[in-house]
Structures are given as C-alpha cells and as structure tokens.
Amino acid sequence: MILEVAILPVIAGKKAEFEAAFRQASSIISSMKGYISHELQTCIEDSNKYLLLVHWETLEDHTVGFRGSKEYQEWRKLLHHFYDPFPVVEHYTLSQKYH
C-alpha cells in the first residue's frame, strides 16, 4: 500500500468553494482502480491549508492510472485553480506501525 501526501495551499477566500469542489471530486478519485481511501484535513495553524492523504494499492495506480486518466482531467478542472502555490505531492510506504 502507498500513501500519497499533498499539502494543499488554498487561495484565501476560496475555502468554501474549494471544499464544495473537493466533495464533488471525491467521487472521481474514489472510483479509480487501486484506490483504497482518502481524507482531507484542515490545518489548525493556517485554515487555508489542507492535508490530503490518499491510500493506493500501488504507486502506479496513482502516478500512471489516475494521473493518466480522463477522470484526472476532470479532477484538475475542479480543483487545481484553488492552489497557490501548486502542491507538492509525495508518496510514502509504511516502515513501521505502532499502537
């Protein structure tokens, strides 16, 4: 399993529009091959900053399957104009788990 991590800096004054668009975009990403789950968190210190966490079965499910799809073009259209600057996206794999 791969964890996609993106910090999303949303333009001030666009939070409500972004959150509405993200709810719509959630159905796009959740329909993709290899998708497991996702969550969107709001930063406590900066309410215009969000953390997007997406679990994928493989790295390629995200980087090739999703990003290379027509669905990604719709995702882009819905969300990418809200970011300034554009988010850095990184991928992680579990090293150790603690309880």
PDB file of N, CA and C in Angstrom:
ATOM      1  N   MET A   1       0.846  -1.176   0.000  1.00  0.00           N
ATOM      2  CA  MET A   1       0.000   0.000   0.000  1.00  0.00           C
ATOM      3  C   MET A   1       0.892   1.240   0.000  1.00  0.00           C
ATOM      4  N   ILE A   2       0.460   2.252  -0.735  1.00  0.00           N
ATOM      5  CA  ILE A   2       1.178   3.514  -0.866  1.00  0.00           C
ATOM      6  C   ILE A   2       0.309   4.631  -0.296  1.00  0.00           C
ATOM      7  N   LEU A   3       0.949   5.573   0.396  1.00  0.00           N
ATOM      8  CA  LEU A   3       0.249   6.745   0.904  1.00  0.00           C
ATOM      9  C   LEU A   3       0.706   7.957   0.102  1.00  0.00           C
ATOM     10  N   GLU A   4      -0.229   8.580  -0.582  1.00  0.00           N
ATOM     11  CA  GLU A   4       0.011   9.846  -1.275  1.00  0.00           C
ATOM     12  C   GLU A   4      -0.264  10.965  -0.278  1.00  0.00           C
ATOM     13  N   VAL A   5       0.672  11.919  -0.175  1.00  0.00           N
ATOM     14  CA  VAL A   5       0.550  13.027   0.754  1.00  0.00           C
ATOM     15  C   VAL A   5       0.698  14.325  -0.021  1.00  0.00           C
ATOM     16  N   ALA A   6      -0.272  15.222   0.119  1.00  0.00           N
ATOM     17  CA  ALA A   6      -0.197  16.521  -0.545  1.00  0.00           C
ATOM     18  C   ALA A   6      -0.678  17.595   0.413  1.00  0.00           C
ATOM     19  N   ILE A   7       0.117  18.647   0.565  1.00  0.00           N
ATOM     20  CA  ILE A   7      -0.306  19.818   1.312  1.00  0.00           C
ATOM     21  C   ILE A   7      -0.898  20.775   0.289  1.00  0.00           C
ATOM     22  N   LEU A   8      -2.154  21.149   0.508  1.00  0.00           N
ATOM     23  CA  LEU A   8      -2.904  21.947  -0.456  1.00  0.00           C
ATOM     24  C   LEU A   8      -3.083  23.374   0.061  1.00  0.00           C
ATOM     25  N   PRO A   9      -2.313  24.336  -0.470  1.00  0.00           N
ATOM     26  CA  PRO A   9      -2.458  25.725  -0.051  1.00  0.00           C
ATOM     27  C   PRO A   9      -3.571  26.406  -0.861  1.00  0.00           C
ATOM     28  N   VAL A  10      -4.718  26.580  -0.251  1.00  0.00           N
ATOM     29  CA  VAL A  10      -5.885  27.130  -0.941  1.00  0.00           C
ATOM     30  C   VAL A  10      -5.861  28.666  -0.840  1.00  0.00           C
ATOM     31  N   ILE A  11      -6.166  29.313  -1.938  1.00  0.00           N
ATOM     32  CA  ILE A  11      -6.192  30.768  -2.008  1.00  0.00           C
ATOM     33  C   ILE A  11      -7.175  31.315  -0.970  1.00  0.00           C
ATOM     34  N   ALA A  12      -6.741  32.336  -0.231  1.00  0.00           N
ATOM     35  CA  ALA A  12      -7.583  32.949   0.800  1.00  0.00           C
ATOM     36  C   ALA A  12      -8.921  33.385   0.194  1.00  0.00           C
ATOM     37  N   GLY A  13      -9.992  33.125   0.939  1.00  0.00           N
ATOM     38  CA  GLY A  13     -11.328  33.491   0.494  1.00  0.00           C
ATOM     39  C   GLY A  13     -11.989  32.451  -0.392  1.00  0.00           C
ATOM     40  N   LYS A  14     -11.294  31.339  -0.667  1.00  0.00           N
ATOM     41  CA  LYS A  14     -11.829  30.307  -1.572  1.00  0.00           C
ATOM     42  C   LYS A  14     -12.139  28.995  -0.848  1.00  0.00           C
ATOM     43  N   LYS A  15     -12.050  28.999   0.480  1.00  0.00           N
ATOM     44  CA  LYS A  15     -12.229  27.752   1.235  1.00  0.00           C
ATOM     45  C   LYS A  15     -13.563  27.065   0.967  1.00  0.00           C
ATOM     46  N   ALA A  16     -14.654  27.791   1.056  1.00  0.00           N
ATOM     47  CA  ALA A  16     -15.981  27.181   0.883  1.00  0.00           C
ATOM     48  C   ALA A  16     -16.131  26.614  -0.517  1.00  0.00           C
ATOM     49  N   GLU A  17     -15.682  27.358  -1.524  1.00  0.00           N
ATOM     50  CA  GLU A  17     -15.734  26.863  -2.913  1.00  0.00           C
ATOM     51  C   GLU A  17     -14.871  25.622  -3.085  1.00  0.00           C
ATOM     52  N   PHE A  18     -13.663  25.669  -2.495  1.00  0.00           N
ATOM     53  CA  PHE A  18     -12.759  24.522  -2.585  1.00  0.00           C
ATOM     54  C   PHE A  18     -13.386  23.287  -1.946  1.00  0.00           C
ATOM     55  N   GLU A  19     -13.921  23.432  -0.754  1.00  0.00           N
ATOM     56  CA  GLU A  19     -14.494  22.275  -0.051  1.00  0.00           C
ATOM     57  C   GLU A  19     -15.679  21.692  -0.827  1.00  0.00           C
ATOM     58  N   ALA A  20     -16.490  22.529  -1.433  1.00  0.00           N
ATOM     59  CA  ALA A  20     -17.608  22.038  -2.254  1.00  0.00           C
ATOM     60  C   ALA A  20     -17.084  21.299  -3.475  1.00  0.00           C
ATOM     61  N   ALA A  21     -16.068  21.852  -4.128  1.00  0.00           N
ATOM     62  CA  ALA A  21     -15.478  21.199  -5.300  1.00  0.00           C
ATOM     63  C   ALA A  21     -14.793  19.898  -4.905  1.00  0.00           C
ATOM     64  N   PHE A  22     -14.163  19.883  -3.731  1.00  0.00           N
ATOM     65  CA  PHE A  22     -13.491  18.656  -3.281  1.00  0.00           C
ATOM     66  C   PHE A  22     -14.500  17.552  -3.014  1.00  0.00           C
ATOM     67  N   ARG A  23     -15.648  17.898  -2.449  1.00  0.00           N
ATOM     68  CA  ARG A  23     -16.685  16.867  -2.230  1.00  0.00           C
ATOM     69  C   ARG A  23     -17.080  16.243  -3.565  1.00  0.00           C
ATOM     70  N   GLN A  24     -17.217  17.066  -4.588  1.00  0.00           N
ATOM     71  CA  GLN A  24     -17.548  16.560  -5.921  1.00  0.00           C
ATOM     72  C   GLN A  24     -16.404  15.721  -6.484  1.00  0.00           C
ATOM     73  N   ALA A  25     -15.184  16.191  -6.319  1.00  0.00           N
ATOM     74  CA  ALA A  25     -14.004  15.485  -6.852  1.00  0.00           C
ATOM     75  C   ALA A  25     -13.760  14.162  -6.131  1.00  0.00           C
ATOM     76  N   SER A  26     -14.216  14.044  -4.896  1.00  0.00           N
ATOM     77  CA  SER A  26     -14.005  12.812  -4.130  1.00  0.00           C
ATOM     78  C   SER A  26     -14.603  11.597  -4.824  1.00  0.00           C
ATOM     79  N   SER A  27     -15.733  11.779  -5.492  1.00  0.00           N
ATOM     80  CA  SER A  27     -16.340  10.645  -6.191  1.00  0.00           C
ATOM     81  C   SER A  27     -15.495  10.225  -7.388  1.00  0.00           C
ATOM     82  N   ILE A  28     -14.724  11.143  -7.938  1.00  0.00           N
ATOM     83  CA  ILE A  28     -13.847  10.814  -9.063  1.00  0.00           C
ATOM     84  C   ILE A  28     -12.717   9.925  -8.591  1.00  0.00           C
ATOM     85  N   ILE A  29     -11.998  10.381  -7.582  1.00  0.00           N
ATOM     86  CA  ILE A  29     -10.819   9.629  -7.142  1.00  0.00           C
ATOM     87  C   ILE A  29     -11.221   8.275  -6.550  1.00  0.00           C
ATOM     88  N   SER A  30     -12.335   8.257  -5.832  1.00  0.00           N
ATOM     89  CA  SER A  30     -12.725   7.002  -5.179  1.00  0.00           C
ATOM     90  C   SER A  30     -13.188   5.938  -6.169  1.00  0.00           C
ATOM     91  N   SER A  31     -13.412   6.312  -7.418  1.00  0.00           N
ATOM     92  CA  SER A  31     -13.834   5.334  -8.431  1.00  0.00           C
ATOM     93  C   SER A  31     -12.662   4.725  -9.190  1.00  0.00           C
ATOM     94  N   MET A  32     -11.432   5.169  -8.895  1.00  0.00           N
ATOM     95  CA  MET A  32     -10.274   4.747  -9.683  1.00  0.00           C
ATOM     96  C   MET A  32      -9.727   3.392  -9.243  1.00  0.00           C
ATOM     97  N   LYS A  33      -9.158   2.683 -10.203  1.00  0.00           N
ATOM     98  CA  LYS A  33      -8.516   1.389  -9.917  1.00  0.00           C
ATOM     99  C   LYS A  33      -7.373   1.613  -8.921  1.00  0.00           C
ATOM    100  N   GLY A  34      -7.307   0.787  -7.921  1.00  0.00           N
ATOM    101  CA  GLY A  34      -6.236   0.847  -6.939  1.00  0.00           C
ATOM    102  C   GLY A  34      -6.484   1.798  -5.785  1.00  0.00           C
ATOM    103  N   TYR A  35      -7.552   2.564  -5.864  1.00  0.00           N
ATOM    104  CA  TYR A  35      -7.901   3.473  -4.778  1.00  0.00           C
ATOM    105  C   TYR A  35      -8.337   2.670  -3.556  1.00  0.00           C
ATOM    106  N   ILE A  36      -7.871   3.076  -2.371  1.00  0.00           N
ATOM    107  CA  ILE A  36      -8.281   2.436  -1.125  1.00  0.00           C
ATOM    108  C   ILE A  36      -9.113   3.392  -0.270  1.00  0.00           C
ATOM    109  N   SER A  37      -8.561   4.576   0.014  1.00  0.00           N
ATOM    110  CA  SER A  37      -9.275   5.547   0.842  1.00  0.00           C
ATOM    111  C   SER A  37      -8.595   6.905   0.729  1.00  0.00           C
ATOM    112  N   HIS A  38      -9.313   7.931   1.171  1.00  0.00           N
ATOM    113  CA  HIS A  38      -8.696   9.252   1.241  1.00  0.00           C
ATOM    114  C   HIS A  38      -9.347  10.074   2.341  1.00  0.00           C
ATOM    115  N   GLU A  39      -8.612  11.088   2.775  1.00  0.00           N
ATOM    116  CA  GLU A  39      -9.146  12.023   3.757  1.00  0.00           C
ATOM    117  C   GLU A  39      -8.535  13.388   3.521  1.00  0.00           C
ATOM    118  N   LEU A  40      -9.293  14.408   3.875  1.00  0.00           N
ATOM    119  CA  LEU A  40      -8.863  15.787   3.758  1.00  0.00           C
ATOM    120  C   LEU A  40      -8.906  16.390   5.149  1.00  0.00           C
ATOM    121  N   GLN A  41      -7.780  16.953   5.583  1.00  0.00           N
ATOM    122  CA  GLN A  41      -7.710  17.564   6.899  1.00  0.00           C
ATOM    123  C   GLN A  41      -7.381  19.043   6.754  1.00  0.00           C
ATOM    124  N   THR A  42      -7.917  19.854   7.652  1.00  0.00           N
ATOM    125  CA  THR A  42      -7.647  21.290   7.667  1.00  0.00           C
ATOM    126  C   THR A  42      -6.572  21.589   8.701  1.00  0.00           C
ATOM    127  N   CYS A  43      -5.605  22.418   8.331  1.00  0.00           N
ATOM    128  CA  CYS A  43      -4.525  22.813   9.231  1.00  0.00           C
ATOM    129  C   CYS A  43      -5.081  23.705  10.343  1.00  0.00           C
ATOM    130  N   ILE A  44      -4.693  23.450  11.552  1.00  0.00           N
ATOM    131  CA  ILE A  44      -5.142  24.244  12.697  1.00  0.00           C
ATOM    132  C   ILE A  44      -4.473  25.621  12.676  1.00  0.00           C
ATOM    133  N   GLU A  45      -3.188  25.666  12.346  1.00  0.00           N
ATOM    134  CA  GLU A  45      -2.458  26.926  12.370  1.00  0.00           C
ATOM    135  C   GLU A  45      -2.756  27.826  11.165  1.00  0.00           C
ATOM    136  N   ASP A  46      -3.152  27.243  10.049  1.00  0.00           N
ATOM    137  CA  ASP A  46      -3.428  28.009   8.829  1.00  0.00           C
ATOM    138  C   ASP A  46      -4.650  27.392   8.162  1.00  0.00           C
ATOM    139  N   SER A  47      -5.810  27.979   8.367  1.00  0.00           N
ATOM    140  CA  SER A  47      -7.055  27.363   7.905  1.00  0.00           C
ATOM    141  C   SER A  47      -7.210  27.356   6.386  1.00  0.00           C
ATOM    142  N   ASN A  48      -6.308  28.010   5.665  1.00  0.00           N
ATOM    143  CA  ASN A  48      -6.320  27.951   4.199  1.00  0.00           C
ATOM    144  C   ASN A  48      -5.440  26.821   3.671  1.00  0.00           C
ATOM    145  N   LYS A  49      -4.875  26.028   4.573  1.00  0.00           N
ATOM    146  CA  LYS A  49      -4.003  24.925   4.188  1.00  0.00           C
ATOM    147  C   LYS A  49      -4.674  23.601   4.557  1.00  0.00           C
ATOM    148  N   TYR A  50      -4.660  22.673   3.615  1.00  0.00           N
ATOM    149  CA  TYR A  50      -5.253  21.350   3.813  1.00  0.00           C
ATOM    150  C   TYR A  50      -4.205  20.272   3.603  1.00  0.00           C
ATOM    151  N   LEU A  51      -4.444  19.130   4.214  1.00  0.00           N
ATOM    152  CA  LEU A  51      -3.612  17.953   4.020  1.00  0.00           C
ATOM    153  C   LEU A  51      -4.482  16.877   3.380  1.00  0.00           C
ATOM    154  N   LEU A  52      -4.062  16.427   2.200  1.00  0.00           N
ATOM    155  CA  LEU A  52      -4.765  15.351   1.509  1.00  0.00           C
ATOM    156  C   LEU A  52      -3.947  14.073   1.650  1.00  0.00           C
ATOM    157  N   LEU A  53      -4.583  13.030   2.152  1.00  0.00           N
ATOM    158  CA  LEU A  53      -3.967  11.712   2.300  1.00  0.00           C
ATOM    159  C   LEU A  53      -4.781  10.719   1.486  1.00  0.00           C
ATOM    160  N   VAL A  54      -4.111  10.041   0.554  1.00  0.00           N
ATOM    161  CA  VAL A  54      -4.801   9.053  -0.284  1.00  0.00           C
ATOM    162  C   VAL A  54      -4.029   7.747  -0.214  1.00  0.00           C
ATOM    163  N   HIS A  55      -4.719   6.666   0.108  1.00  0.00           N
ATOM    164  CA  HIS A  55      -4.114   5.336   0.097  1.00  0.00           C
ATOM    165  C   HIS A  55      -4.403   4.671  -1.249  1.00  0.00           C
ATOM    166  N   TRP A  56      -3.341   4.186  -1.881  1.00  0.00           N
ATOM    167  CA  TRP A  56      -3.420   3.476  -3.163  1.00  0.00           C
ATOM    168  C   TRP A  56      -2.821   2.092  -2.988  1.00  0.00           C
ATOM    169  N   GLU A  57      -3.279   1.150  -3.801  1.00  0.00           N
ATOM    170  CA  GLU A  57      -2.693  -0.192  -3.763  1.00  0.00           C
ATOM    171  C   GLU A  57      -1.241  -0.160  -4.227  1.00  0.00           C
ATOM    172  N   THR A  58      -0.955   0.578  -5.318  1.00  0.00           N
ATOM    173  CA  THR A  58       0.414   0.683  -5.839  1.00  0.00           C
ATOM    174  C   THR A  58       0.706   2.123  -6.223  1.00  0.00           C
ATOM    175  N   LEU A  59       1.965   2.459  -6.334  1.00  0.00           N
ATOM    176  CA  LEU A  59       2.374   3.787  -6.786  1.00  0.00           C
ATOM    177  C   LEU A  59       1.828   4.070  -8.182  1.00  0.00           C
ATOM    178  N   GLU A  60       1.883   3.083  -9.055  1.00  0.00           N
ATOM    179  CA  GLU A  60       1.429   3.248 -10.434  1.00  0.00           C
ATOM    180  C   GLU A  60      -0.075   3.490 -10.525  1.00  0.00           C
ATOM    181  N   ASP A  61      -0.846   2.969  -9.571  1.00  0.00           N
ATOM    182  CA  ASP A  61      -2.283   3.255  -9.574  1.00  0.00           C
ATOM    183  C   ASP A  61      -2.522   4.761  -9.508  1.00  0.00           C
ATOM    184  N   HIS A  62      -1.656   5.470  -8.802  1.00  0.00           N
ATOM    185  CA  HIS A  62      -1.783   6.923  -8.738  1.00  0.00           C
ATOM    186  C   HIS A  62      -1.076   7.606  -9.900  1.00  0.00           C
ATOM    187  N   THR A  63       0.223   7.325 -10.053  1.00  0.00           N
ATOM    188  CA  THR A  63       1.046   8.098 -10.990  1.00  0.00           C
ATOM    189  C   THR A  63       0.752   7.810 -12.455  1.00  0.00           C
ATOM    190  N   VAL A  64       0.346   6.599 -12.775  1.00  0.00           N
ATOM    191  CA  VAL A  64       0.057   6.225 -14.162  1.00  0.00           C
ATOM    192  C   VAL A  64      -1.453   6.125 -14.378  1.00  0.00           C
ATOM    193  N   GLY A  65      -2.110   5.296 -13.560  1.00  0.00           N
ATOM    194  CA  GLY A  65      -3.540   5.049 -13.742  1.00  0.00           C
ATOM    195  C   GLY A  65      -4.388   6.290 -13.562  1.00  0.00           C
ATOM    196  N   PHE A  66      -4.287   6.924 -12.394  1.00  0.00           N
ATOM    197  CA  PHE A  66      -5.124   8.094 -12.129  1.00  0.00           C
ATOM    198  C   PHE A  66      -4.661   9.307 -12.929  1.00  0.00           C
ATOM    199  N   ARG A  67      -3.386   9.641 -12.818  1.00  0.00           N
ATOM    200  CA  ARG A  67      -2.901  10.852 -13.497  1.00  0.00           C
ATOM    201  C   ARG A  67      -2.972  10.761 -15.018  1.00  0.00           C
ATOM    202  N   GLY A  68      -2.995   9.555 -15.551  1.00  0.00           N
ATOM    203  CA  GLY A  68      -3.087   9.389 -16.995  1.00  0.00           C
ATOM    204  C   GLY A  68      -4.510   9.222 -17.508  1.00  0.00           C
ATOM    205  N   SER A  69      -5.485   9.372 -16.637  1.00  0.00           N
ATOM    206  CA  SER A  69      -6.873   9.086 -16.997  1.00  0.00           C
ATOM    207  C   SER A  69      -7.644  10.344 -17.386  1.00  0.00           C
ATOM    208  N   LYS A  70      -8.766  10.126 -18.071  1.00  0.00           N
ATOM    209  CA  LYS A  70      -9.674  11.240 -18.379  1.00  0.00           C
ATOM    210  C   LYS A  70     -10.315  11.758 -17.091  1.00  0.00           C
ATOM    211  N   GLU A  71     -10.482  10.905 -16.102  1.00  0.00           N
ATOM    212  CA  GLU A  71     -11.038  11.326 -14.815  1.00  0.00           C
ATOM    213  C   GLU A  71     -10.127  12.355 -14.128  1.00  0.00           C
ATOM    214  N   TYR A  72      -8.815  12.180 -14.307  1.00  0.00           N
ATOM    215  CA  TYR A  72      -7.876  13.137 -13.717  1.00  0.00           C
ATOM    216  C   TYR A  72      -8.059  14.526 -14.331  1.00  0.00           C
ATOM    217  N   GLN A  73      -8.383  14.578 -15.612  1.00  0.00           N
ATOM    218  CA  GLN A  73      -8.609  15.876 -16.250  1.00  0.00           C
ATOM    219  C   GLN A  73      -9.791  16.590 -15.597  1.00  0.00           C
ATOM    220  N   GLU A  74     -10.814  15.855 -15.224  1.00  0.00           N
ATOM    221  CA  GLU A  74     -11.963  16.438 -14.515  1.00  0.00           C
ATOM    222  C   GLU A  74     -11.546  16.877 -13.110  1.00  0.00           C
ATOM    223  N   TRP A  75     -10.768  16.045 -12.418  1.00  0.00           N
ATOM    224  CA  TRP A  75     -10.225  16.376 -11.090  1.00  0.00           C
ATOM    225  C   TRP A  75      -9.459  17.696 -11.163  1.00  0.00           C
ATOM    226  N   ARG A  76      -8.581  17.802 -12.156  1.00  0.00           N
ATOM    227  CA  ARG A  76      -7.786  19.021 -12.367  1.00  0.00           C
ATOM    228  C   ARG A  76      -8.684  20.236 -12.566  1.00  0.00           C
ATOM    229  N   LYS A  77      -9.679  20.082 -13.414  1.00  0.00           N
ATOM    230  CA  LYS A  77     -10.593  21.182 -13.729  1.00  0.00           C
ATOM    231  C   LYS A  77     -11.334  21.651 -12.468  1.00  0.00           C
ATOM    232  N   LEU A  78     -11.711  20.713 -11.618  1.00  0.00           N
ATOM    233  CA  LEU A  78     -12.444  21.050 -10.403  1.00  0.00           C
ATOM    234  C   LEU A  78     -11.571  21.714  -9.341  1.00  0.00           C
ATOM    235  N   LEU A  79     -10.292  21.294  -9.225  1.00  0.00           N
ATOM    236  CA  LEU A  79      -9.512  21.661  -8.047  1.00  0.00           C
ATOM    237  C   LEU A  79      -8.272  22.519  -8.275  1.00  0.00           C
ATOM    238  N   HIS A  80      -7.579  22.352  -9.373  1.00  0.00           N
ATOM    239  CA  HIS A  80      -6.244  22.935  -9.479  1.00  0.00           C
ATOM    240  C   HIS A  80      -6.215  24.460  -9.454  1.00  0.00           C
ATOM    241  N   HIS A  81      -7.284  25.126  -9.808  1.00  0.00           N
ATOM    242  CA  HIS A  81      -7.292  26.591  -9.790  1.00  0.00           C
ATOM    243  C   HIS A  81      -7.406  27.178  -8.383  1.00  0.00           C
ATOM    244  N   PHE A  82      -7.608  26.337  -7.369  1.00  0.00           N
ATOM    245  CA  PHE A  82      -7.697  26.817  -5.989  1.00  0.00           C
ATOM    246  C   PHE A  82      -6.332  26.950  -5.314  1.00  0.00           C
ATOM    247  N   TYR A  83      -5.264  26.396  -5.895  1.00  0.00           N
ATOM    248  CA  TYR A  83      -3.979  26.299  -5.206  1.00  0.00           C
ATOM    249  C   TYR A  83      -3.020  27.424  -5.587  1.00  0.00           C
ATOM    250  N   ASP A  84      -2.349  27.964  -4.557  1.00  0.00           N
ATOM    251  CA  ASP A  84      -1.270  28.913  -4.779  1.00  0.00           C
ATOM    252  C   ASP A  84      -0.348  28.890  -3.575  1.00  0.00           C
ATOM    253  N   PRO A  85       0.864  28.333  -3.735  1.00  0.00           N
ATOM    254  CA  PRO A  85       1.421  27.733  -4.950  1.00  0.00           C
ATOM    255  C   PRO A  85       0.850  26.333  -5.170  1.00  0.00           C
ATOM    256  N   PHE A  86       1.234  25.728  -6.294  1.00  0.00           N
ATOM    257  CA  PHE A  86       0.757  24.385  -6.600  1.00  0.00           C
ATOM    258  C   PHE A  86       1.351  23.395  -5.594  1.00  0.00           C
ATOM    259  N   PRO A  87       0.571  22.425  -5.125  1.00  0.00           N
ATOM    260  CA  PRO A  87       1.028  21.495  -4.089  1.00  0.00           C
ATOM    261  C   PRO A  87       2.156  20.576  -4.546  1.00  0.00           C
ATOM    262  N   VAL A  88       2.997  20.245  -3.590  1.00  0.00           N
ATOM    263  CA  VAL A  88       3.984  19.182  -3.768  1.00  0.00           C
ATOM    264  C   VAL A  88       3.301  17.891  -3.340  1.00  0.00           C
ATOM    265  N   VAL A  89       3.417  16.864  -4.172  1.00  0.00           N
ATOM    266  CA  VAL A  89       2.820  15.562  -3.869  1.00  0.00           C
ATOM    267  C   VAL A  89       3.951  14.568  -3.667  1.00  0.00           C
ATOM    268  N   GLU A  90       3.898  13.834  -2.558  1.00  0.00           N
ATOM    269  CA  GLU A  90       4.903  12.815  -2.260  1.00  0.00           C
ATOM    270  C   GLU A  90       4.203  11.501  -1.952  1.00  0.00           C
ATOM    271  N   HIS A  91       4.966  10.415  -2.048  1.00  0.00           N
ATOM    272  CA  HIS A  91       4.437   9.077  -1.805  1.00  0.00           C
ATOM    273  C   HIS A  91       5.265   8.391  -0.723  1.00  0.00           C
ATOM    274  N   TYR A  92       4.571   7.677   0.145  1.00  0.00           N
ATOM    275  CA  TYR A  92       5.219   7.025   1.279  1.00  0.00           C
ATOM    276  C   TYR A  92       4.784   5.566   1.350  1.00  0.00           C
ATOM    277  N   THR A  93       5.672   4.773   1.932  1.00  0.00           N
ATOM    278  CA  THR A  93       5.350   3.382   2.225  1.00  0.00           C
ATOM    279  C   THR A  93       5.609   3.154   3.710  1.00  0.00           C
ATOM    280  N   LEU A  94       4.839   2.292   4.307  1.00  0.00           N
ATOM    281  CA  LEU A  94       4.921   2.065   5.761  1.00  0.00           C
ATOM    282  C   LEU A  94       6.232   1.385   6.122  1.00  0.00           C
ATOM    283  N   SER A  95       6.975   1.990   7.044  1.00  0.00           N
ATOM    284  CA  SER A  95       8.209   1.384   7.551  1.00  0.00           C
ATOM    285  C   SER A  95       7.925   0.571   8.806  1.00  0.00           C
ATOM    286  N   GLN A  96       7.182   1.178   9.727  1.00  0.00           N
ATOM    287  CA  GLN A  96       6.833   0.510  10.970  1.00  0.00           C
ATOM    288  C   GLN A  96       5.494   1.048  11.435  1.00  0.00           C
ATOM    289  N   LYS A  97       4.747   0.231  12.124  1.00  0.00           N
ATOM    290  CA  LYS A  97       3.468   0.652  12.666  1.00  0.00           C
ATOM    291  C   LYS A  97       3.487   0.440  14.169  1.00  0.00           C
ATOM    292  N   TYR A  98       3.009   1.433  14.894  1.00  0.00           N
ATOM    293  CA  TYR A  98       2.999   1.383  16.356  1.00  0.00           C
ATOM    294  C   TYR A  98       1.585   1.617  16.866  1.00  0.00           C
ATOM    295  N   HIS A  99       1.256   1.005  17.974  1.00  0.00           N
ATOM    296  CA  HIS A  99      -0.065   1.212  18.595  1.00  0.00           C
ATOM    297  C   HIS A  99       0.101   1.640  20.016  1.00  0.00           C
TER     298      HIS A  99
END
